[in-house]
Amino acid sequence: MENSQLKGFLAVVEEGGVSRAATKLHLTQPAVTKQIQALERELKTVLFDRTGRGLELTATGALLYDYSRRSLALLEECQQAIADTQAGAIGSLTIGAGTTTCIFELPHWLQALRTQLPGIDVVVRTGDSREIVQLILAREADLGLVTTAVQHPELQVTELFEEEIVLVTSAAASPPITDADNSNLLLHYPLILFPGNSGFREYLDQALIRAGLEVQVKMETDSLEAIKSFVATGLGSSFLPIRAVEAELSNGVLKRVTLSALPVLWRQTSVIRRSDRHLSPGAKALLKILHTPSGN
């Protein structure tokens, strides 16, 4: 199997068809088709089912896709490691991070990184903590910033800082909400939350269950700004990281409410990386920034 064939195969899967894959790779459609056919002949198997809905991976095709992603990522890592040994090589850095981290933390970290390495090429890929873990395991990112607990034998996890999670409502809610409304507050003021498949939501749901609190979830969205806007207009309440709502609390748009039945909630931000991955100059520099007190 040649790398060009595997790249063609990956492009067909990820772009959803030969035509779009050819465009991405700057090749003709027949050239990409020949790459797929050559792989099928060599492996003596069919990689795609040709259906009315297009191309769908067979079981062996899915297996090849998994291994191809990892092998090509490892090859690119090797090429980068060799480049890093050359005098003056700065290279690139790919970071995986969640939305709130990208908005409130990552900008000043990257500013510090560019001060140290002005020529570095930085790529940021967003996703929830589970997606970031998969990026790191697949060698598609050098470092990942996650906000839920991660345990994996192939990953090195370093805790950075804790952040309180607070309950917020509209400051203009009528009637006014007080801390004395603890008994049924979350039933009268339904929650607007991140999706149920996120690590943040799972942590929150477990905390509410342990506290014996009944809740009504009115809306789910993965947009932080949408949640804050909906809450500000009085559509419901939400649990959000304190850093994400500091401005709104300060200017009186949102109000923080304390529930006596619920202990203080925290989320831990950590940096993760593969234990066996070569650390580029950019990765080393960013780790140093993250581990300094001013980096938090």
Foldseek 3Di string as FASTA:
>chain_A
DDLVLLLLLLLCVVVVHLCRSCVVVVHDSVVSVVSQVVVCVVVVHHQWDQDPVGTDGDPVVVVSNLVSLLVVLVVVLVVQVVQLVDPPRQEEFEEEEEDVCVPQAPPVLVVVLCVVVVPYHYHYHYDAQVVRVVCQVSNVGAKYKHFADDDDPQKDKFWQDKFWKFKKAFLPDPPGDALVVQQQQQVVFAEEEADPVGRVNVVVVVQCVVLVHDHHHDYHDSDLVVRLVCRLVGNGMYIGTCSSCVVVCVVRSMDTHDHPSGDIDMIIIIMMHGPPGDQHPSNVSSVVLSNDPVSD
